Amino acid sequence: MQNKLQATVDIGSHSCILLIAAFEDKGDNPDSPHMVLVPKLQKVEVCRLGEDIYECGKITEARIQELTQIMTKFRMDLHALGADLKAVAMTEAMRRASNPDEVIEAVEKAIWVKPRIISGEEEGRLTFRSVKEWHGSDIVTIDIGGGSTELCNGETSLSIPVGALKMFKAMGPIPGPEYKKFVKETFKEVSFKGMTKKPVYLIGGTGTALAMVFLDKQKFDYKAIEGLEMSITDLENVTTRITNLSKELRAMLPGLENGRHEVIICGLFWLRSLLEKLRVETFKISTAGLRFGLLYPPEPEPEEKPKPKRVPPWMKKKEETEKTEDDAQ
């Protein structure tokens, strides 16, 4: 892999993220991979495609125009820095939109690369890959987006159709008594087998905003946030602090600009519920995510182990009888 600027764009339900990064040699650290993906520029623009999905089931013309303006600005950044755009991925909002072709065509015209709608399971695997490259493989990743949440342990990838923006639209900025029933119903069909009691890494806008408020960081600083460990008590304290503020004061907290202040409390409630199901007391925050995973080369498919041949009980008994007769002779 050449040390050249490479880029991806992640078009989510709440925001669009441009990543420009490069693979750099980190061979001086024996605990790190030889080549590490290092971010050089990251830009976040709020698009809130999920609002259109919630209200009318498709992406409206006005929202498409906003999206193309964002993509045009991203293209100008790419050309200014000479970065090679490798992939444009679309997630939950576009998985549910009734007019995906119209949006795909508009985005392609603006950024000159055709976007791809990826499944929730693939999103979870790519997110896991991005964190694994920095922190090792024996982990579980949680990506709380605007319209869905992905969990992955490297073998199993889950996509739950619950996100911070979707919860905000259903419950308002602060979930009430109905939240307990909502969680119970949501978890009915979800199995966390193989994911409990493992180190947890939270990624996505909810995690970044949580870290910035916790650290009181006025500007995004991936070096300060990456790997930050928090306890459930820390999470509860930050949630209480944010909840006790007015809407206007909440918007002034670091990381909660551009509409994030409206959905953050829903995201933190949901995170608390997920951590309970995963049976952990602490978690770490990572600034990696789908946009990083899209840049890594595909991993080789694991070899399928031959399945043991199933022998019916009657045949097994027959074989044992024949063996006994042979031994007698």
C-alpha atoms as a PDB file:
ATOM      1  CA  MET A   1       0.000   0.000   0.000  1.00  0.00           C
ATOM      2  CA  GLN A   2       1.469   3.327  -1.056  1.00  0.00           C
ATOM      3  CA  ASN A   3       1.665   6.202   1.391  1.00  0.00           C
ATOM      4  CA  LYS A   4      -0.832   8.205  -0.650  1.00  0.00           C
ATOM      5  CA  LEU A   5      -3.874  10.103   0.573  1.00  0.00           C
ATOM      6  CA  GLN A   6      -6.948   7.922   0.256  1.00  0.00           C
ATOM      7  CA  ALA A   7     -10.518   8.867   1.072  1.00  0.00           C
ATOM      8  CA  THR A   8     -13.972   7.506   1.821  1.00  0.00           C
ATOM      9  CA  VAL A   9     -17.364   9.038   2.475  1.00  0.00           C
ATOM     10  CA  ASP A  10     -19.920   7.623   4.921  1.00  0.00           C
ATOM     11  CA  ILE A  11     -23.482   8.847   4.260  1.00  0.00           C
ATOM     12  CA  GLY A  12     -25.475   8.033   7.385  1.00  0.00           C
ATOM     13  CA  SER A  13     -28.934   8.762   8.746  1.00  0.00           C
ATOM     14  CA  HIS A  14     -27.811  11.812  10.730  1.00  0.00           C
ATOM     15  CA  SER A  15     -24.554  12.964   9.169  1.00  0.00           C
ATOM     16  CA  CYS A  16     -22.087  12.568   6.305  1.00  0.00           C
ATOM     17  CA  ILE A  17     -18.401  12.042   7.091  1.00  0.00           C
ATOM     18  CA  LEU A  18     -15.430  12.580   4.808  1.00  0.00           C
ATOM     19  CA  LEU A  19     -12.229  10.776   5.759  1.00  0.00           C
ATOM     20  CA  ILE A  20      -8.876  11.478   4.122  1.00  0.00           C
ATOM     21  CA  ALA A  21      -6.134   9.194   5.467  1.00  0.00           C
ATOM     22  CA  ALA A  22      -2.866   7.477   4.620  1.00  0.00           C
ATOM     23  CA  PHE A  23      -1.232   4.160   5.494  1.00  0.00           C
ATOM     24  CA  GLU A  24       1.944   4.841   7.458  1.00  0.00           C
ATOM     25  CA  ASP A  25       4.731   2.602   8.667  1.00  0.00           C
ATOM     26  CA  LYS A  26       4.535   2.083  12.419  1.00  0.00           C
ATOM     27  CA  GLY A  27       7.079  -0.714  12.607  1.00  0.00           C
ATOM     28  CA  ASP A  28       8.775   0.926  15.619  1.00  0.00           C
ATOM     29  CA  ASN A  29       5.886  -0.263  17.793  1.00  0.00           C
ATOM     30  CA  PRO A  30       5.914  -4.077  18.092  1.00  0.00           C
ATOM     31  CA  ASP A  31       2.301  -4.078  19.329  1.00  0.00           C
ATOM     32  CA  SER A  32       0.981  -2.317  16.209  1.00  0.00           C
ATOM     33  CA  PRO A  33       0.441  -3.585  12.671  1.00  0.00           C
ATOM     34  CA  HIS A  34       3.315  -2.720  10.347  1.00  0.00           C
ATOM     35  CA  MET A  35       1.116  -0.350   8.336  1.00  0.00           C
ATOM     36  CA  VAL A  36      -1.417   1.759  10.220  1.00  0.00           C
ATOM     37  CA  LEU A  37      -4.167   3.893   8.738  1.00  0.00           C
ATOM     38  CA  VAL A  38      -3.688   7.451  10.020  1.00  0.00           C
ATOM     39  CA  PRO A  39      -6.430  10.096   9.527  1.00  0.00           C
ATOM     40  CA  LYS A  40      -5.289  13.356   7.964  1.00  0.00           C
ATOM     41  CA  LEU A  41      -8.618  15.153   7.538  1.00  0.00           C
ATOM     42  CA  GLN A  42     -12.110  14.351   8.794  1.00  0.00           C
ATOM     43  CA  LYS A  43     -15.154  16.481   8.062  1.00  0.00           C
ATOM     44  CA  VAL A  44     -18.674  15.970   9.388  1.00  0.00           C
ATOM     45  CA  GLU A  45     -21.760  17.543   7.831  1.00  0.00           C
ATOM     46  CA  VAL A  46     -25.256  16.984   9.224  1.00  0.00           C
ATOM     47  CA  CYS A  47     -27.700  15.707   6.586  1.00  0.00           C
ATOM     48  CA  ARG A  48     -30.488  14.056   8.680  1.00  0.00           C
ATOM     49  CA  LEU A  49     -31.710  11.760   5.927  1.00  0.00           C
ATOM     50  CA  GLY A  50     -33.367   9.704   8.651  1.00  0.00           C
ATOM     51  CA  GLU A  51     -35.876  12.495   9.305  1.00  0.00           C
ATOM     52  CA  ASP A  52     -37.239  12.138   5.778  1.00  0.00           C
ATOM     53  CA  ILE A  53     -37.481   8.362   6.172  1.00  0.00           C
ATOM     54  CA  TYR A  54     -39.384   8.724   9.436  1.00  0.00           C
ATOM     55  CA  GLU A  55     -41.771  11.343   8.049  1.00  0.00           C
ATOM     56  CA  CYS A  56     -42.439  10.192   4.476  1.00  0.00           C
ATOM     57  CA  GLY A  57     -40.456   7.026   3.713  1.00  0.00           C
ATOM     58  CA  LYS A  58     -38.279   8.615   1.043  1.00  0.00           C
ATOM     59  CA  ILE A  59     -35.569  11.253   0.654  1.00  0.00           C
ATOM     60  CA  THR A  60     -37.230  14.525  -0.334  1.00  0.00           C
ATOM     61  CA  GLU A  61     -36.049  16.764  -3.141  1.00  0.00           C
ATOM     62  CA  ALA A  62     -34.977  19.469  -0.667  1.00  0.00           C
ATOM     63  CA  ARG A  63     -32.885  16.961   1.282  1.00  0.00           C
ATOM     64  CA  ILE A  64     -31.311  15.624  -1.920  1.00  0.00           C
ATOM     65  CA  GLN A  65     -30.241  19.156  -2.795  1.00  0.00           C
ATOM     66  CA  GLU A  66     -28.664  19.591   0.662  1.00  0.00           C
ATOM     67  CA  LEU A  67     -26.894  16.260   0.246  1.00  0.00           C
ATOM     68  CA  THR A  68     -25.493  17.174  -3.173  1.00  0.00           C
ATOM     69  CA  GLN A  69     -24.182  20.465  -1.766  1.00  0.00           C
ATOM     70  CA  ILE A  70     -22.359  18.520   0.962  1.00  0.00           C
ATOM     71  CA  MET A  71     -20.930  16.078  -1.587  1.00  0.00           C
ATOM     72  CA  THR A  72     -19.770  18.967  -3.802  1.00  0.00           C
ATOM     73  CA  LYS A  73     -17.891  20.505  -0.851  1.00  0.00           C
ATOM     74  CA  PHE A  74     -16.314  17.121  -0.102  1.00  0.00           C
ATOM     75  CA  ARG A  75     -15.227  16.792  -3.745  1.00  0.00           C
ATOM     76  CA  MET A  76     -13.526  20.197  -3.585  1.00  0.00           C
ATOM     77  CA  ASP A  77     -11.617  19.081  -0.472  1.00  0.00           C
ATOM     78  CA  LEU A  78     -10.557  15.857  -2.217  1.00  0.00           C
ATOM     79  CA  HIS A  79      -9.273  17.681  -5.265  1.00  0.00           C
ATOM     80  CA  ALA A  80      -7.514  20.350  -3.207  1.00  0.00           C
ATOM     81  CA  LEU A  81      -5.534  17.688  -1.332  1.00  0.00           C
ATOM     82  CA  GLY A  82      -5.085  15.299  -4.255  1.00  0.00           C
ATOM     83  CA  ALA A  83      -6.780  12.440  -2.400  1.00  0.00           C
ATOM     84  CA  ASP A  84      -8.074   9.354  -4.177  1.00  0.00           C
ATOM     85  CA  LEU A  85     -11.722   8.660  -3.271  1.00  0.00           C
ATOM     86  CA  LYS A  86     -11.981   4.879  -2.823  1.00  0.00           C
ATOM     87  CA  ALA A  87     -15.589   4.394  -1.721  1.00  0.00           C
ATOM     88  CA  VAL A  88     -18.851   6.127  -0.856  1.00  0.00           C
ATOM     89  CA  ALA A  89     -21.114   4.066   1.418  1.00  0.00           C
ATOM     90  CA  MET A  90     -24.754   4.655   2.358  1.00  0.00           C
ATOM     91  CA  THR A  91     -26.356   3.056   5.407  1.00  0.00           C
ATOM     92  CA  GLU A  92     -29.691   2.701   7.235  1.00  0.00           C
ATOM     93  CA  ALA A  93     -31.595   5.679   5.812  1.00  0.00           C
ATOM     94  CA  MET A  94     -30.851   4.582   2.267  1.00  0.00           C
ATOM     95  CA  ARG A  95     -31.582   0.939   3.071  1.00  0.00           C
ATOM     96  CA  ARG A  96     -35.128   2.028   3.870  1.00  0.00           C
ATOM     97  CA  ALA A  97     -35.646   4.827   1.320  1.00  0.00           C
ATOM     98  CA  SER A  98     -38.236   4.197  -1.390  1.00  0.00           C
ATOM     99  CA  ASN A  99     -36.256   6.268  -3.934  1.00  0.00           C
ATOM    100  CA  PRO A 100     -32.635   5.042  -3.651  1.00  0.00           C
ATOM    101  CA  ASP A 101     -31.842   5.323  -7.385  1.00  0.00           C
ATOM    102  CA  GLU A 102     -32.707   9.028  -7.420  1.00  0.00           C
ATOM    103  CA  VAL A 103     -30.409   9.747  -4.469  1.00  0.00           C
ATOM    104  CA  ILE A 104     -27.569   7.577  -5.791  1.00  0.00           C
ATOM    105  CA  GLU A 105     -27.650   9.372  -9.139  1.00  0.00           C
ATOM    106  CA  ALA A 106     -27.561  12.822  -7.476  1.00  0.00           C
ATOM    107  CA  VAL A 107     -24.662  11.877  -5.196  1.00  0.00           C
ATOM    108  CA  GLU A 108     -22.655  10.372  -8.066  1.00  0.00           C
ATOM    109  CA  LYS A 109     -23.035  13.573 -10.113  1.00  0.00           C
ATOM    110  CA  ALA A 110     -21.815  15.656  -7.184  1.00  0.00           C
ATOM    111  CA  ILE A 111     -18.827  13.587  -6.001  1.00  0.00           C
ATOM    112  CA  TRP A 112     -18.000  11.645  -9.200  1.00  0.00           C
ATOM    113  CA  VAL A 113     -18.044   8.233  -7.535  1.00  0.00           C
ATOM    114  CA  LYS A 114     -21.112   5.996  -7.449  1.00  0.00           C
ATOM    115  CA  PRO A 115     -22.207   5.324  -3.856  1.00  0.00           C
ATOM    116  CA  ARG A 116     -23.060   1.844  -2.621  1.00  0.00           C
ATOM    117  CA  ILE A 117     -25.811   0.951  -0.166  1.00  0.00           C
ATOM    118  CA  ILE A 118     -24.379  -1.586   2.256  1.00  0.00           C
ATOM    119  CA  SER A 119     -26.232  -3.972   4.543  1.00  0.00           C
ATOM    120  CA  GLY A 120     -26.260  -3.543   8.315  1.00  0.00           C
ATOM    121  CA  GLU A 121     -24.239  -6.726   8.739  1.00  0.00           C
ATOM    122  CA  GLU A 122     -21.531  -5.518   6.335  1.00  0.00           C
ATOM    123  CA  GLU A 123     -21.483  -2.156   8.101  1.00  0.00           C
ATOM    124  CA  GLY A 124     -20.869  -3.954  11.403  1.00  0.00           C
ATOM    125  CA  ARG A 125     -18.045  -6.068   9.959  1.00  0.00           C
ATOM    126  CA  LEU A 126     -16.294  -3.072   8.374  1.00  0.00           C
ATOM    127  CA  THR A 127     -16.601  -1.099  11.604  1.00  0.00           C
ATOM    128  CA  PHE A 128     -15.141  -4.000  13.587  1.00  0.00           C
ATOM    129  CA  ARG A 129     -12.251  -4.256  11.114  1.00  0.00           C
ATOM    130  CA  SER A 130     -11.422  -0.579  11.557  1.00  0.00           C
ATOM    131  CA  VAL A 131     -11.190  -0.882  15.356  1.00  0.00           C
ATOM    132  CA  LYS A 132      -9.475  -4.274  15.264  1.00  0.00           C
ATOM    133  CA  GLU A 133      -6.558  -2.847  13.250  1.00  0.00           C
ATOM    134  CA  TRP A 134      -5.817  -0.417  16.090  1.00  0.00           C
ATOM    135  CA  HIS A 135      -6.857  -2.357  19.207  1.00  0.00           C
ATOM    136  CA  GLY A 136      -6.796  -6.103  18.497  1.00  0.00           C
ATOM    137  CA  SER A 137      -9.449  -8.677  17.671  1.00  0.00           C
ATOM    138  CA  ASP A 138     -10.834  -9.963  21.007  1.00  0.00           C
ATOM    139  CA  ILE A 139     -13.358  -7.126  21.300  1.00  0.00           C
ATOM    140  CA  VAL A 140     -16.947  -6.134  20.578  1.00  0.00           C
ATOM    141  CA  THR A 141     -17.760  -2.954  18.661  1.00  0.00           C
ATOM    142  CA  ILE A 142     -20.932  -0.893  19.056  1.00  0.00           C
ATOM    143  CA  ASP A 143     -21.800   1.665  16.389  1.00  0.00           C
ATOM    144  CA  ILE A 144     -24.819   3.768  17.387  1.00  0.00           C
ATOM    145  CA  GLY A 145     -25.937   5.685  14.332  1.00  0.00           C
ATOM    146  CA  GLY A 146     -28.944   7.828  13.595  1.00  0.00           C
ATOM    147  CA  GLY A 147     -31.169   5.029  12.297  1.00  0.00           C
ATOM    148  CA  SER A 148     -29.530   1.757  13.354  1.00  0.00           C
ATOM    149  CA  THR A 149     -26.998   0.178  15.701  1.00  0.00           C
ATOM    150  CA  GLU A 150     -24.395  -2.370  14.642  1.00  0.00           C
ATOM    151  CA  LEU A 151     -22.562  -4.771  16.954  1.00  0.00           C
ATOM    152  CA  CYS A 152     -19.790  -7.127  15.896  1.00  0.00           C
ATOM    153  CA  ASN A 153     -17.339  -9.496  17.601  1.00  0.00           C
ATOM    154  CA  GLY A 154     -15.459 -10.481  14.436  1.00  0.00           C
ATOM    155  CA  GLU A 155     -17.562 -13.598  13.846  1.00  0.00           C
ATOM    156  CA  THR A 156     -21.124 -12.366  14.306  1.00  0.00           C
ATOM    157  CA  SER A 157     -22.442  -9.029  13.056  1.00  0.00           C
ATOM    158  CA  LEU A 158     -25.796  -7.688  14.269  1.00  0.00           C
ATOM    159  CA  SER A 159     -27.777  -4.746  12.950  1.00  0.00           C
ATOM    160  CA  ILE A 160     -30.583  -3.460  15.182  1.00  0.00           C
ATOM    161  CA  PRO A 161     -32.965  -0.915  13.574  1.00  0.00           C
ATOM    162  CA  VAL A 162     -32.612   1.504  16.496  1.00  0.00           C
ATOM    163  CA  GLY A 163     -30.597   4.721  16.381  1.00  0.00           C
ATOM    164  CA  ALA A 164     -30.411   8.054  18.220  1.00  0.00           C
ATOM    165  CA  LEU A 165     -32.306  10.034  15.562  1.00  0.00           C
ATOM    166  CA  LYS A 166     -34.978   7.363  15.203  1.00  0.00           C
ATOM    167  CA  MET A 167     -35.501   7.283  18.989  1.00  0.00           C
ATOM    168  CA  PHE A 168     -35.679  11.079  19.125  1.00  0.00           C
ATOM    169  CA  LYS A 169     -38.422  11.087  16.501  1.00  0.00           C
ATOM    170  CA  ALA A 170     -40.384   8.465  18.435  1.00  0.00           C
ATOM    171  CA  MET A 171     -39.814   9.669  22.035  1.00  0.00           C
ATOM    172  CA  GLY A 172     -38.557  13.238  21.964  1.00  0.00           C
ATOM    173  CA  PRO A 173     -35.212  14.472  23.332  1.00  0.00           C
ATOM    174  CA  ILE A 174     -35.562  12.694  26.707  1.00  0.00           C
ATOM    175  CA  PRO A 175     -37.069   9.171  26.762  1.00  0.00           C
ATOM    176  CA  GLY A 176     -39.915   8.759  29.253  1.00  0.00           C
ATOM    177  CA  PRO A 177     -41.610   5.781  30.932  1.00  0.00           C
ATOM    178  CA  GLU A 178     -42.298   4.209  27.532  1.00  0.00           C
ATOM    179  CA  TYR A 179     -38.557   3.579  27.076  1.00  0.00           C
ATOM    180  CA  LYS A 180     -38.509   0.525  29.354  1.00  0.00           C
ATOM    181  CA  LYS A 181     -41.197  -1.218  27.271  1.00  0.00           C
ATOM    182  CA  PHE A 182     -39.450  -0.167  24.051  1.00  0.00           C
ATOM    183  CA  VAL A 183     -36.163  -1.774  25.143  1.00  0.00           C
ATOM    184  CA  LYS A 184     -37.871  -4.971  26.288  1.00  0.00           C
ATOM    185  CA  GLU A 185     -39.641  -5.350  22.935  1.00  0.00           C
ATOM    186  CA  THR A 186     -36.483  -4.524  20.951  1.00  0.00           C
ATOM    187  CA  PHE A 187     -34.307  -7.083  22.720  1.00  0.00           C
ATOM    188  CA  LYS A 188     -36.862  -9.887  22.328  1.00  0.00           C
ATOM    189  CA  GLU A 189     -35.490 -10.862  18.932  1.00  0.00           C
ATOM    190  CA  VAL A 190     -31.792 -10.085  19.576  1.00  0.00           C
ATOM    191  CA  SER A 191     -29.222 -12.635  20.732  1.00  0.00           C
ATOM    192  CA  PHE A 192     -25.956 -11.396  22.230  1.00  0.00           C
ATOM    193  CA  LYS A 193     -24.402 -14.856  22.316  1.00  0.00           C
ATOM    194  CA  GLY A 194     -20.599 -14.654  21.997  1.00  0.00           C
ATOM    195  CA  MET A 195     -20.559 -10.914  22.730  1.00  0.00           C
ATOM    196  CA  THR A 196     -20.922 -10.684  26.506  1.00  0.00           C
ATOM    197  CA  LYS A 197     -18.147  -9.885  28.997  1.00  0.00           C
ATOM    198  CA  LYS A 198     -15.681  -8.780  26.288  1.00  0.00           C
ATOM    199  CA  PRO A 199     -13.891  -5.433  25.953  1.00  0.00           C
ATOM    200  CA  VAL A 200     -16.354  -3.040  24.297  1.00  0.00           C
ATOM    201  CA  TYR A 201     -15.462  -0.215  21.908  1.00  0.00           C
ATOM    202  CA  LEU A 202     -18.080   2.429  21.157  1.00  0.00           C
ATOM    203  CA  ILE A 203     -17.765   4.258  17.852  1.00  0.00           C
ATOM    204  CA  GLY A 204     -19.871   6.774  15.960  1.00  0.00           C
ATOM    205  CA  GLY A 205     -21.230  10.244  16.648  1.00  0.00           C
ATOM    206  CA  THR A 206     -22.770   9.288  19.989  1.00  0.00           C
ATOM    207  CA  GLY A 207     -19.416   8.020  21.271  1.00  0.00           C
ATOM    208  CA  THR A 208     -17.456  11.023  20.007  1.00  0.00           C
ATOM    209  CA  ALA A 209     -19.931  13.501  21.503  1.00  0.00           C
ATOM    210  CA  LEU A 210     -19.922  11.615  24.819  1.00  0.00           C
ATOM    211  CA  ALA A 211     -16.115  11.740  24.951  1.00  0.00           C
ATOM    212  CA  MET A 212     -15.959  15.453  24.115  1.00  0.00           C
ATOM    213  CA  VAL A 213     -18.438  16.340  26.865  1.00  0.00           C
ATOM    214  CA  PHE A 214     -16.689  14.032  29.357  1.00  0.00           C
ATOM    215  CA  LEU A 215     -13.253  15.521  28.575  1.00  0.00           C
ATOM    216  CA  ASP A 216     -14.630  19.043  28.003  1.00  0.00           C
ATOM    217  CA  LYS A 217     -12.862  19.130  24.626  1.00  0.00           C
ATOM    218  CA  GLN A 218     -14.055  22.106  22.589  1.00  0.00           C
ATOM    219  CA  LYS A 219     -12.644  20.690  19.348  1.00  0.00           C
ATOM    220  CA  PHE A 220     -12.517  17.163  17.987  1.00  0.00           C
ATOM    221  CA  ASP A 221      -9.140  15.610  18.828  1.00  0.00           C
ATOM    222  CA  TYR A 222      -8.918  11.983  17.797  1.00  0.00           C
ATOM    223  CA  LYS A 223      -5.653  11.412  19.693  1.00  0.00           C
ATOM    224  CA  ALA A 224      -7.274  12.462  22.987  1.00  0.00           C
ATOM    225  CA  ILE A 225     -10.470  10.506  22.375  1.00  0.00           C
ATOM    226  CA  GLU A 226      -9.078   7.297  20.867  1.00  0.00           C
ATOM    227  CA  GLY A 227      -9.088   4.508  23.442  1.00  0.00           C
ATOM    228  CA  LEU A 228     -10.625   6.667  26.185  1.00  0.00           C
ATOM    229  CA  GLU A 229     -12.005   4.359  28.887  1.00  0.00           C
ATOM    230  CA  MET A 230     -15.221   5.209  30.707  1.00  0.00           C
ATOM    231  CA  SER A 231     -17.324   3.425  33.300  1.00  0.00           C
ATOM    232  CA  ILE A 232     -21.090   3.078  33.415  1.00  0.00           C
ATOM    233  CA  THR A 233     -20.998   5.550  36.326  1.00  0.00           C
ATOM    234  CA  ASP A 234     -19.196   8.060  34.083  1.00  0.00           C
ATOM    235  CA  LEU A 235     -21.862   7.518  31.432  1.00  0.00           C
ATOM    236  CA  GLU A 236     -24.670   8.081  33.937  1.00  0.00           C
ATOM    237  CA  ASN A 237     -23.020  11.266  35.242  1.00  0.00           C
ATOM    238  CA  VAL A 238     -22.663  12.730  31.738  1.00  0.00           C
ATOM    239  CA  THR A 239     -26.244  11.740  30.870  1.00  0.00           C
ATOM    240  CA  THR A 240     -27.560  13.434  34.020  1.00  0.00           C
ATOM    241  CA  ARG A 241     -25.485  16.549  33.343  1.00  0.00           C
ATOM    242  CA  ILE A 242     -26.808  16.884  29.778  1.00  0.00           C
ATOM    243  CA  THR A 243     -30.396  16.055  30.724  1.00  0.00           C
ATOM    244  CA  ASN A 244     -30.481  18.777  33.404  1.00  0.00           C
ATOM    245  CA  LEU A 245     -29.611  21.499  30.884  1.00  0.00           C
ATOM    246  CA  SER A 246     -32.054  23.423  28.750  1.00  0.00           C
ATOM    247  CA  LYS A 247     -32.125  22.758  25.020  1.00  0.00           C
ATOM    248  CA  GLU A 248     -30.215  25.998  24.379  1.00  0.00           C
ATOM    249  CA  LEU A 249     -27.467  25.295  26.927  1.00  0.00           C
ATOM    250  CA  ARG A 250     -27.196  21.683  25.758  1.00  0.00           C
ATOM    251  CA  ALA A 251     -26.401  22.924  22.243  1.00  0.00           C
ATOM    252  CA  MET A 252     -23.434  24.863  23.636  1.00  0.00           C
ATOM    253  CA  LEU A 253     -21.677  21.777  25.009  1.00  0.00           C
ATOM    254  CA  PRO A 254     -18.654  20.511  23.051  1.00  0.00           C
ATOM    255  CA  GLY A 255     -19.571  17.979  20.372  1.00  0.00           C
ATOM    256  CA  LEU A 256     -23.299  18.732  20.514  1.00  0.00           C
ATOM    257  CA  GLU A 257     -23.532  21.337  17.777  1.00  0.00           C
ATOM    258  CA  ASN A 258     -25.423  20.941  14.490  1.00  0.00           C
ATOM    259  CA  GLY A 259     -28.430  19.153  15.939  1.00  0.00           C
ATOM    260  CA  ARG A 260     -26.528  16.547  17.967  1.00  0.00           C
ATOM    261  CA  HIS A 261     -27.896  18.100  21.192  1.00  0.00           C
ATOM    262  CA  GLU A 262     -31.400  16.987  20.214  1.00  0.00           C
ATOM    263  CA  VAL A 263     -30.586  13.287  19.821  1.00  0.00           C
ATOM    264  CA  ILE A 264     -27.663  12.698  22.215  1.00  0.00           C
ATOM    265  CA  ILE A 265     -29.716  11.789  25.315  1.00  0.00           C
ATOM    266  CA  CYS A 266     -31.606   9.095  23.376  1.00  0.00           C
ATOM    267  CA  GLY A 267     -28.261   7.720  22.198  1.00  0.00           C
ATOM    268  CA  LEU A 268     -26.886   7.614  25.754  1.00  0.00           C
ATOM    269  CA  PHE A 269     -29.987   5.870  27.127  1.00  0.00           C
ATOM    270  CA  TRP A 270     -29.662   3.269  24.382  1.00  0.00           C
ATOM    271  CA  LEU A 271     -25.932   2.804  25.063  1.00  0.00           C
ATOM    272  CA  ARG A 272     -26.670   2.148  28.757  1.00  0.00           C
ATOM    273  CA  SER A 273     -29.151  -0.582  27.794  1.00  0.00           C
ATOM    274  CA  LEU A 274     -26.683  -2.215  25.388  1.00  0.00           C
ATOM    275  CA  LEU A 275     -23.900  -2.261  28.003  1.00  0.00           C
ATOM    276  CA  GLU A 276     -26.256  -3.984  30.441  1.00  0.00           C
ATOM    277  CA  LYS A 277     -27.007  -6.704  27.888  1.00  0.00           C
ATOM    278  CA  LEU A 278     -23.281  -7.120  27.166  1.00  0.00           C
ATOM    279  CA  ARG A 279     -22.650  -7.418  30.922  1.00  0.00           C
ATOM    280  CA  VAL A 280     -19.747  -4.977  31.156  1.00  0.00           C
ATOM    281  CA  GLU A 281     -18.968  -2.183  33.635  1.00  0.00           C
ATOM    282  CA  THR A 282     -16.544  -0.212  31.452  1.00  0.00           C
ATOM    283  CA  PHE A 283     -16.119   0.562  27.758  1.00  0.00           C
ATOM    284  CA  LYS A 284     -13.708   2.413  25.494  1.00  0.00           C
ATOM    285  CA  ILE A 285     -14.356   4.942  22.753  1.00  0.00           C
ATOM    286  CA  SER A 286     -12.832   4.746  19.299  1.00  0.00           C
ATOM    287  CA  THR A 287     -12.856   7.355  16.567  1.00  0.00           C
ATOM    288  CA  ALA A 288     -12.566   4.631  13.905  1.00  0.00           C
ATOM    289  CA  GLY A 289     -15.611   3.375  12.048  1.00  0.00           C
ATOM    290  CA  LEU A 290     -17.097   2.425   8.708  1.00  0.00           C
ATOM    291  CA  ARG A 291     -15.153   5.092   6.822  1.00  0.00           C
ATOM    292  CA  PHE A 292     -11.859   3.506   7.969  1.00  0.00           C
ATOM    293  CA  GLY A 293     -13.004  -0.060   7.346  1.00  0.00           C
ATOM    294  CA  LEU A 294     -13.752   0.795   3.718  1.00  0.00           C
ATOM    295  CA  LEU A 295     -10.051   1.537   3.115  1.00  0.00           C
ATOM    296  CA  TYR A 296      -8.586  -1.735   4.376  1.00  0.00           C
ATOM    297  CA  PRO A 297      -8.064  -4.504   1.805  1.00  0.00           C
ATOM    298  CA  PRO A 298     -10.548  -7.389   2.118  1.00  0.00           C
ATOM    299  CA  GLU A 299      -9.543 -10.105   4.555  1.00  0.00           C
ATOM    300  CA  PRO A 300      -9.273 -13.664   3.229  1.00  0.00           C
ATOM    301  CA  GLU A 301     -12.405 -15.712   3.719  1.00  0.00           C
ATOM    302  CA  PRO A 302     -11.996 -18.227   6.563  1.00  0.00           C
ATOM    303  CA  GLU A 303     -11.660 -21.810   5.385  1.00  0.00           C
ATOM    304  CA  GLU A 304     -14.804 -23.796   5.915  1.00  0.00           C
ATOM    305  CA  LYS A 305     -14.265 -26.751   8.190  1.00  0.00           C
ATOM    306  CA  PRO A 306     -15.695 -29.971   6.765  1.00  0.00           C
ATOM    307  CA  LYS A 307     -18.869 -30.864   8.570  1.00  0.00           C
ATOM    308  CA  PRO A 308     -18.770 -34.241  10.295  1.00  0.00           C
ATOM    309  CA  LYS A 309     -20.833 -36.807   8.467  1.00  0.00           C
ATOM    310  CA  ARG A 310     -23.985 -37.531  10.393  1.00  0.00           C
ATOM    311  CA  VAL A 311     -24.542 -41.249  10.867  1.00  0.00           C
ATOM    312  CA  PRO A 312     -28.109 -42.325  11.711  1.00  0.00           C
ATOM    313  CA  PRO A 313     -28.357 -44.275  15.017  1.00  0.00           C
ATOM    314  CA  TRP A 314     -29.573 -47.443  13.272  1.00  0.00           C
ATOM    315  CA  MET A 315     -26.540 -47.437  10.929  1.00  0.00           C
ATOM    316  CA  LYS A 316     -24.162 -46.721  13.812  1.00  0.00           C
ATOM    317  CA  LYS A 317     -25.557 -49.734  15.680  1.00  0.00           C
ATOM    318  CA  LYS A 318     -25.195 -51.886  12.553  1.00  0.00           C
ATOM    319  CA  GLU A 319     -21.542 -50.823  12.108  1.00  0.00           C
ATOM    320  CA  GLU A 320     -20.771 -51.645  15.763  1.00  0.00           C
ATOM    321  CA  THR A 321     -22.394 -55.116  15.379  1.00  0.00           C
ATOM    322  CA  GLU A 322     -20.360 -55.845  12.228  1.00  0.00           C
ATOM    323  CA  LYS A 323     -17.144 -54.730  13.956  1.00  0.00           C
ATOM    324  CA  THR A 324     -17.869 -57.009  16.925  1.00  0.00           C
ATOM    325  CA  GLU A 325     -18.431 -59.980  14.572  1.00  0.00           C
ATOM    326  CA  ASP A 326     -15.186 -59.237  12.703  1.00  0.00           C
ATOM    327  CA  ASP A 327     -13.249 -59.070  15.987  1.00  0.00           C
ATOM    328  CA  ALA A 328     -14.760 -62.412  17.059  1.00  0.00           C
ATOM    329  CA  GLN A 329     -13.509 -64.061  13.883  1.00  0.00           C
END
